[in-house]
Amino acid sequence: MYQMGLWFISWHHPCGCMGSLAGALHLWDHSADNIMKIKLAYLLVASYGILLWEWRRGATSAPLAGGAPG
């Protein structure tokens, strides 16, 4: 949500979310920012993919408990 909020308000400065880890790895601020954007995109796509997969798998399984017997 933080990264999306920065994008929504058109914040063009690098995110400090990697903190001192970026400095310890000798990464430039913009490189660390791009890594975090890729990570955000991966997490969003993967979580929605799993959600869709589980939803479709559940739609083809047995009816919900408490339903009329078939």
PDB file of N, CA and C in Angstrom:
ATOM      1  N   MET A   1       0.825  -1.187   0.000  1.00  0.00           N
ATOM      2  CA  MET A   1       0.000   0.000   0.000  1.00  0.00           C
ATOM      3  C   MET A   1       0.877   1.262   0.000  1.00  0.00           C
ATOM      4  N   TYR A   2       1.992   1.185   0.693  1.00  0.00           N
ATOM      5  CA  TYR A   2       2.892   2.334   0.773  1.00  0.00           C
ATOM      6  C   TYR A   2       3.416   2.714  -0.611  1.00  0.00           C
ATOM      7  N   GLN A   3       3.903   1.728  -1.347  1.00  0.00           N
ATOM      8  CA  GLN A   3       4.430   1.988  -2.681  1.00  0.00           C
ATOM      9  C   GLN A   3       3.337   2.490  -3.614  1.00  0.00           C
ATOM     10  N   MET A   4       2.153   1.920  -3.515  1.00  0.00           N
ATOM     11  CA  MET A   4       1.049   2.371  -4.367  1.00  0.00           C
ATOM     12  C   MET A   4       0.642   3.796  -4.001  1.00  0.00           C
ATOM     13  N   GLY A   5       0.687   4.136  -2.726  1.00  0.00           N
ATOM     14  CA  GLY A   5       0.391   5.497  -2.307  1.00  0.00           C
ATOM     15  C   GLY A   5       1.395   6.495  -2.864  1.00  0.00           C
ATOM     16  N   LEU A   6       2.676   6.131  -2.845  1.00  0.00           N
ATOM     17  CA  LEU A   6       3.699   7.001  -3.426  1.00  0.00           C
ATOM     18  C   LEU A   6       3.477   7.186  -4.921  1.00  0.00           C
ATOM     19  N   TRP A   7       3.125   6.120  -5.598  1.00  0.00           N
ATOM     20  CA  TRP A   7       2.859   6.197  -7.031  1.00  0.00           C
ATOM     21  C   TRP A   7       1.638   7.076  -7.302  1.00  0.00           C
ATOM     22  N   PHE A   8       0.613   6.948  -6.458  1.00  0.00           N
ATOM     23  CA  PHE A   8      -0.626   7.712  -6.635  1.00  0.00           C
ATOM     24  C   PHE A   8      -0.391   9.217  -6.489  1.00  0.00           C
ATOM     25  N   ILE A   9       0.486   9.623  -5.562  1.00  0.00           N
ATOM     26  CA  ILE A   9       0.740  11.055  -5.375  1.00  0.00           C
ATOM     27  C   ILE A   9       1.889  11.555  -6.228  1.00  0.00           C
ATOM     28  N   SER A  10       2.364  10.730  -7.159  1.00  0.00           N
ATOM     29  CA  SER A  10       3.440  11.074  -8.095  1.00  0.00           C
ATOM     30  C   SER A  10       4.746  11.435  -7.389  1.00  0.00           C
ATOM     31  N   TRP A  11       5.103  10.676  -6.397  1.00  0.00           N
ATOM     32  CA  TRP A  11       6.350  10.868  -5.666  1.00  0.00           C
ATOM     33  C   TRP A  11       7.482  10.331  -6.520  1.00  0.00           C
ATOM     34  N   HIS A  12       8.433  11.163  -6.918  1.00  0.00           N
ATOM     35  CA  HIS A  12       9.487  10.760  -7.838  1.00  0.00           C
ATOM     36  C   HIS A  12      10.838  10.545  -7.156  1.00  0.00           C
ATOM     37  N   HIS A  13      10.872  10.511  -5.852  1.00  0.00           N
ATOM     38  CA  HIS A  13      12.111  10.270  -5.125  1.00  0.00           C
ATOM     39  C   HIS A  13      12.173   8.806  -4.728  1.00  0.00           C
ATOM     40  N   PRO A  14      13.359   8.254  -4.592  1.00  0.00           N
ATOM     41  CA  PRO A  14      13.468   6.842  -4.205  1.00  0.00           C
ATOM     42  C   PRO A  14      12.863   6.583  -2.826  1.00  0.00           C
ATOM     43  N   CYS A  15      12.326   5.413  -2.688  1.00  0.00           N
ATOM     44  CA  CYS A  15      11.737   4.983  -1.418  1.00  0.00           C
ATOM     45  C   CYS A  15      12.856   4.574  -0.469  1.00  0.00           C
ATOM     46  N   GLY A  16      12.740   4.927   0.790  1.00  0.00           N
ATOM     47  CA  GLY A  16      13.734   4.547   1.784  1.00  0.00           C
ATOM     48  C   GLY A  16      13.393   3.243   2.473  1.00  0.00           C
ATOM     49  N   CYS A  17      12.556   2.416   1.854  1.00  0.00           N
ATOM     50  CA  CYS A  17      12.053   1.218   2.508  1.00  0.00           C
ATOM     51  C   CYS A  17      13.111   0.125   2.677  1.00  0.00           C
ATOM     52  N   MET A  18      14.198   0.191   1.941  1.00  0.00           N
ATOM     53  CA  MET A  18      15.257  -0.796   2.122  1.00  0.00           C
ATOM     54  C   MET A  18      16.220  -0.357   3.222  1.00  0.00           C
ATOM     55  N   GLY A  19      16.127   0.891   3.644  1.00  0.00           N
ATOM     56  CA  GLY A  19      16.920   1.379   4.754  1.00  0.00           C
ATOM     57  C   GLY A  19      18.414   1.187   4.573  1.00  0.00           C
ATOM     58  N   SER A  20      19.077   0.730   5.613  1.00  0.00           N
ATOM     59  CA  SER A  20      20.523   0.560   5.564  1.00  0.00           C
ATOM     60  C   SER A  20      20.946  -0.686   4.792  1.00  0.00           C
ATOM     61  N   LEU A  21      19.995  -1.555   4.460  1.00  0.00           N
ATOM     62  CA  LEU A  21      20.328  -2.750   3.686  1.00  0.00           C
ATOM     63  C   LEU A  21      20.842  -2.374   2.305  1.00  0.00           C
ATOM     64  N   ALA A  22      20.241  -1.362   1.685  1.00  0.00           N
ATOM     65  CA  ALA A  22      20.696  -0.908   0.368  1.00  0.00           C
ATOM     66  C   ALA A  22      22.127  -0.387   0.452  1.00  0.00           C
ATOM     67  N   GLY A  23      22.447   0.335   1.495  1.00  0.00           N
ATOM     68  CA  GLY A  23      23.809   0.834   1.673  1.00  0.00           C
ATOM     69  C   GLY A  23      24.796  -0.285   1.927  1.00  0.00           C
ATOM     70  N   ALA A  24      24.386  -1.286   2.705  1.00  0.00           N
ATOM     71  CA  ALA A  24      25.258  -2.419   2.999  1.00  0.00           C
ATOM     72  C   ALA A  24      25.539  -3.250   1.750  1.00  0.00           C
ATOM     73  N   LEU A  25      24.576  -3.293   0.835  1.00  0.00           N
ATOM     74  CA  LEU A  25      24.748  -4.043  -0.412  1.00  0.00           C
ATOM     75  C   LEU A  25      25.346  -3.186  -1.522  1.00  0.00           C
ATOM     76  N   HIS A  26      25.662  -1.939  -1.198  1.00  0.00           N
ATOM     77  CA  HIS A  26      26.230  -0.985  -2.155  1.00  0.00           C
ATOM     78  C   HIS A  26      25.322  -0.780  -3.372  1.00  0.00           C
ATOM     79  N   LEU A  27      24.024  -0.629  -3.097  1.00  0.00           N
ATOM     80  CA  LEU A  27      23.049  -0.362  -4.155  1.00  0.00           C
ATOM     81  C   LEU A  27      22.774   1.125  -4.241  1.00  0.00           C
ATOM     82  N   TRP A  28      22.544   1.619  -5.442  1.00  0.00           N
ATOM     83  CA  TRP A  28      22.100   2.989  -5.598  1.00  0.00           C
ATOM     84  C   TRP A  28      20.658   3.093  -5.132  1.00  0.00           C
ATOM     85  N   ASP A  29      20.248   4.294  -4.755  1.00  0.00           N
ATOM     86  CA  ASP A  29      18.879   4.487  -4.270  1.00  0.00           C
ATOM     87  C   ASP A  29      17.847   4.082  -5.320  1.00  0.00           C
ATOM     88  N   HIS A  30      18.093   4.444  -6.565  1.00  0.00           N
ATOM     89  CA  HIS A  30      17.132   4.112  -7.614  1.00  0.00           C
ATOM     90  C   HIS A  30      17.093   2.606  -7.889  1.00  0.00           C
ATOM     91  N   SER A  31      18.209   1.938  -7.745  1.00  0.00           N
ATOM     92  CA  SER A  31      18.226   0.480  -7.924  1.00  0.00           C
ATOM     93  C   SER A  31      17.418  -0.197  -6.826  1.00  0.00           C
ATOM     94  N   ALA A  32      17.595   0.239  -5.594  1.00  0.00           N
ATOM     95  CA  ALA A  32      16.833  -0.317  -4.478  1.00  0.00           C
ATOM     96  C   ALA A  32      15.343  -0.038  -4.663  1.00  0.00           C
ATOM     97  N   ASP A  33      15.002   1.147  -5.167  1.00  0.00           N
ATOM     98  CA  ASP A  33      13.611   1.501  -5.416  1.00  0.00           C
ATOM     99  C   ASP A  33      13.016   0.595  -6.492  1.00  0.00           C
ATOM    100  N   ASN A  34      13.761   0.341  -7.548  1.00  0.00           N
ATOM    101  CA  ASN A  34      13.272  -0.537  -8.610  1.00  0.00           C
ATOM    102  C   ASN A  34      13.107  -1.974  -8.125  1.00  0.00           C
ATOM    103  N   ILE A  35      14.001  -2.423  -7.273  1.00  0.00           N
ATOM    104  CA  ILE A  35      13.877  -3.768  -6.701  1.00  0.00           C
ATOM    105  C   ILE A  35      12.589  -3.872  -5.894  1.00  0.00           C
ATOM    106  N   MET A  36      12.287  -2.858  -5.113  1.00  0.00           N
ATOM    107  CA  MET A  36      11.070  -2.887  -4.309  1.00  0.00           C
ATOM    108  C   MET A  36       9.811  -2.826  -5.188  1.00  0.00           C
ATOM    109  N   LYS A  37       9.858  -2.102  -6.287  1.00  0.00           N
ATOM    110  CA  LYS A  37       8.709  -2.061  -7.204  1.00  0.00           C
ATOM    111  C   LYS A  37       8.487  -3.418  -7.862  1.00  0.00           C
ATOM    112  N   ILE A  38       9.572  -4.078  -8.246  1.00  0.00           N
ATOM    113  CA  ILE A  38       9.450  -5.416  -8.829  1.00  0.00           C
ATOM    114  C   ILE A  38       8.906  -6.392  -7.798  1.00  0.00           C
ATOM    115  N   LYS A  39       9.382  -6.262  -6.568  1.00  0.00           N
ATOM    116  CA  LYS A  39       8.895  -7.122  -5.489  1.00  0.00           C
ATOM    117  C   LYS A  39       7.404  -6.893  -5.250  1.00  0.00           C
ATOM    118  N   LEU A  40       6.982  -5.649  -5.266  1.00  0.00           N
ATOM    119  CA  LEU A  40       5.568  -5.333  -5.095  1.00  0.00           C
ATOM    120  C   LEU A  40       4.739  -5.944  -6.210  1.00  0.00           C
ATOM    121  N   ALA A  41       5.175  -5.790  -7.444  1.00  0.00           N
ATOM    122  CA  ALA A  41       4.438  -6.348  -8.578  1.00  0.00           C
ATOM    123  C   ALA A  41       4.362  -7.869  -8.480  1.00  0.00           C
ATOM    124  N   TYR A  42       5.464  -8.509  -8.111  1.00  0.00           N
ATOM    125  CA  TYR A  42       5.480  -9.962  -7.964  1.00  0.00           C
ATOM    126  C   TYR A  42       4.487 -10.416  -6.889  1.00  0.00           C
ATOM    127  N   LEU A  43       4.508  -9.760  -5.746  1.00  0.00           N
ATOM    128  CA  LEU A  43       3.609 -10.148  -4.660  1.00  0.00           C
ATOM    129  C   LEU A  43       2.148  -9.964  -5.043  1.00  0.00           C
ATOM    130  N   LEU A  44       1.838  -8.867  -5.733  1.00  0.00           N
ATOM    131  CA  LEU A  44       0.455  -8.638  -6.159  1.00  0.00           C
ATOM    132  C   LEU A  44      -0.006  -9.678  -7.171  1.00  0.00           C
ATOM    133  N   VAL A  45       0.796  -9.916  -8.186  1.00  0.00           N
ATOM    134  CA  VAL A  45       0.422 -10.874  -9.225  1.00  0.00           C
ATOM    135  C   VAL A  45       0.316 -12.281  -8.647  1.00  0.00           C
ATOM    136  N   ALA A  46       1.289 -12.679  -7.842  1.00  0.00           N
ATOM    137  CA  ALA A  46       1.278 -14.021  -7.262  1.00  0.00           C
ATOM    138  C   ALA A  46       0.098 -14.219  -6.312  1.00  0.00           C
ATOM    139  N   SER A  47      -0.192 -13.246  -5.467  1.00  0.00           N
ATOM    140  CA  SER A  47      -1.285 -13.418  -4.515  1.00  0.00           C
ATOM    141  C   SER A  47      -2.639 -13.446  -5.219  1.00  0.00           C
ATOM    142  N   TYR A  48      -2.830 -12.597  -6.216  1.00  0.00           N
ATOM    143  CA  TYR A  48      -4.088 -12.650  -6.954  1.00  0.00           C
ATOM    144  C   TYR A  48      -4.178 -13.917  -7.800  1.00  0.00           C
ATOM    145  N   GLY A  49      -3.069 -14.398  -8.312  1.00  0.00           N
ATOM    146  CA  GLY A  49      -3.079 -15.663  -9.047  1.00  0.00           C
ATOM    147  C   GLY A  49      -3.479 -16.825  -8.155  1.00  0.00           C
ATOM    148  N   ILE A  50      -2.918 -16.888  -6.960  1.00  0.00           N
ATOM    149  CA  ILE A  50      -3.273 -17.950  -6.018  1.00  0.00           C
ATOM    150  C   ILE A  50      -4.730 -17.820  -5.592  1.00  0.00           C
ATOM    151  N   LEU A  51      -5.181 -16.604  -5.354  1.00  0.00           N
ATOM    152  CA  LEU A  51      -6.579 -16.382  -4.978  1.00  0.00           C
ATOM    153  C   LEU A  51      -7.521 -16.868  -6.076  1.00  0.00           C
ATOM    154  N   LEU A  52      -7.227 -16.526  -7.315  1.00  0.00           N
ATOM    155  CA  LEU A  52      -8.058 -16.960  -8.441  1.00  0.00           C
ATOM    156  C   LEU A  52      -8.017 -18.475  -8.589  1.00  0.00           C
ATOM    157  N   TRP A  53      -6.823 -19.063  -8.453  1.00  0.00           N
ATOM    158  CA  TRP A  53      -6.695 -20.501  -8.555  1.00  0.00           C
ATOM    159  C   TRP A  53      -7.520 -21.211  -7.479  1.00  0.00           C
ATOM    160  N   GLU A  54      -7.425 -20.756  -6.231  1.00  0.00           N
ATOM    161  CA  GLU A  54      -8.198 -21.355  -5.141  1.00  0.00           C
ATOM    162  C   GLU A  54      -9.695 -21.158  -5.340  1.00  0.00           C
ATOM    163  N   TRP A  55     -10.081 -19.991  -5.833  1.00  0.00           N
ATOM    164  CA  TRP A  55     -11.491 -19.718  -6.067  1.00  0.00           C
ATOM    165  C   TRP A  55     -12.049 -20.648  -7.142  1.00  0.00           C
ATOM    166  N   ARG A  56     -11.307 -20.828  -8.240  1.00  0.00           N
ATOM    167  CA  ARG A  56     -11.759 -21.714  -9.312  1.00  0.00           C
ATOM    168  C   ARG A  56     -11.757 -23.164  -8.862  1.00  0.00           C
ATOM    169  N   ARG A  57     -10.770 -23.545  -8.063  1.00  0.00           N
ATOM    170  CA  ARG A  57     -10.713 -24.912  -7.567  1.00  0.00           C
ATOM    171  C   ARG A  57     -11.882 -25.189  -6.620  1.00  0.00           C
ATOM    172  N   GLY A  58     -12.238 -24.191  -5.802  1.00  0.00           N
ATOM    173  CA  GLY A  58     -13.353 -24.347  -4.872  1.00  0.00           C
ATOM    174  C   GLY A  58     -14.697 -24.383  -5.575  1.00  0.00           C
ATOM    175  N   ALA A  59     -14.803 -23.721  -6.717  1.00  0.00           N
ATOM    176  CA  ALA A  59     -16.065 -23.698  -7.457  1.00  0.00           C
ATOM    177  C   ALA A  59     -16.367 -25.058  -8.063  1.00  0.00           C
ATOM    178  N   THR A  60     -15.372 -25.891  -8.290  1.00  0.00           N
ATOM    179  CA  THR A  60     -15.588 -27.207  -8.888  1.00  0.00           C
ATOM    180  C   THR A  60     -15.616 -28.312  -7.859  1.00  0.00           C
ATOM    181  N   SER A  61     -15.433 -27.999  -6.571  1.00  0.00           N
ATOM    182  CA  SER A  61     -15.409 -29.033  -5.543  1.00  0.00           C
ATOM    183  C   SER A  61     -16.824 -29.263  -4.995  1.00  0.00           C
ATOM    184  N   ALA A  62     -16.921 -30.004  -3.912  1.00  0.00           N
ATOM    185  CA  ALA A  62     -18.192 -30.366  -3.296  1.00  0.00           C
ATOM    186  C   ALA A  62     -18.957 -29.127  -2.843  1.00  0.00           C
ATOM    187  N   PRO A  63     -20.303 -29.239  -2.755  1.00  0.00           N
ATOM    188  CA  PRO A  63     -21.100 -28.090  -2.289  1.00  0.00           C
ATOM    189  C   PRO A  63     -20.789 -27.751  -0.841  1.00  0.00           C
ATOM    190  N   LEU A  64     -21.157 -26.532  -0.449  1.00  0.00           N
ATOM    191  CA  LEU A  64     -20.905 -26.073   0.910  1.00  0.00           C
ATOM    192  C   LEU A  64     -21.664 -26.901   1.944  1.00  0.00           C
ATOM    193  N   ALA A  65     -21.127 -26.965   3.149  1.00  0.00           N
ATOM    194  CA  ALA A  65     -21.774 -27.690   4.243  1.00  0.00           C
ATOM    195  C   ALA A  65     -23.109 -27.043   4.565  1.00  0.00           C
ATOM    196  N   GLY A  66     -24.105 -27.846   4.899  1.00  0.00           N
ATOM    197  CA  GLY A  66     -25.419 -27.320   5.243  1.00  0.00           C
ATOM    198  C   GLY A  66     -26.353 -27.227   4.052  1.00  0.00           C
ATOM    199  N   GLY A  67     -25.848 -27.555   2.889  1.00  0.00           N
ATOM    200  CA  GLY A  67     -26.681 -27.529   1.690  1.00  0.00           C
ATOM    201  C   GLY A  67     -27.555 -28.774   1.609  1.00  0.00           C
ATOM    202  N   ALA A  68     -28.476 -28.765   0.699  1.00  0.00           N
ATOM    203  CA  ALA A  68     -29.367 -29.925   0.521  1.00  0.00           C
ATOM    204  C   ALA A  68     -28.552 -31.094  -0.015  1.00  0.00           C
ATOM    205  N   PRO A  69     -28.828 -32.313   0.511  1.00  0.00           N
ATOM    206  CA  PRO A  69     -28.080 -33.470   0.019  1.00  0.00           C
ATOM    207  C   PRO A  69     -28.416 -33.735  -1.444  1.00  0.00           C
ATOM    208  N   GLY A  70     -27.415 -34.196  -2.178  1.00  0.00           N
ATOM    209  CA  GLY A  70     -27.567 -34.386  -3.607  1.00  0.00           C
ATOM    210  C   GLY A  70     -27.975 -35.753  -3.901  1.00  0.00           C
TER     211      GLY A  70
END
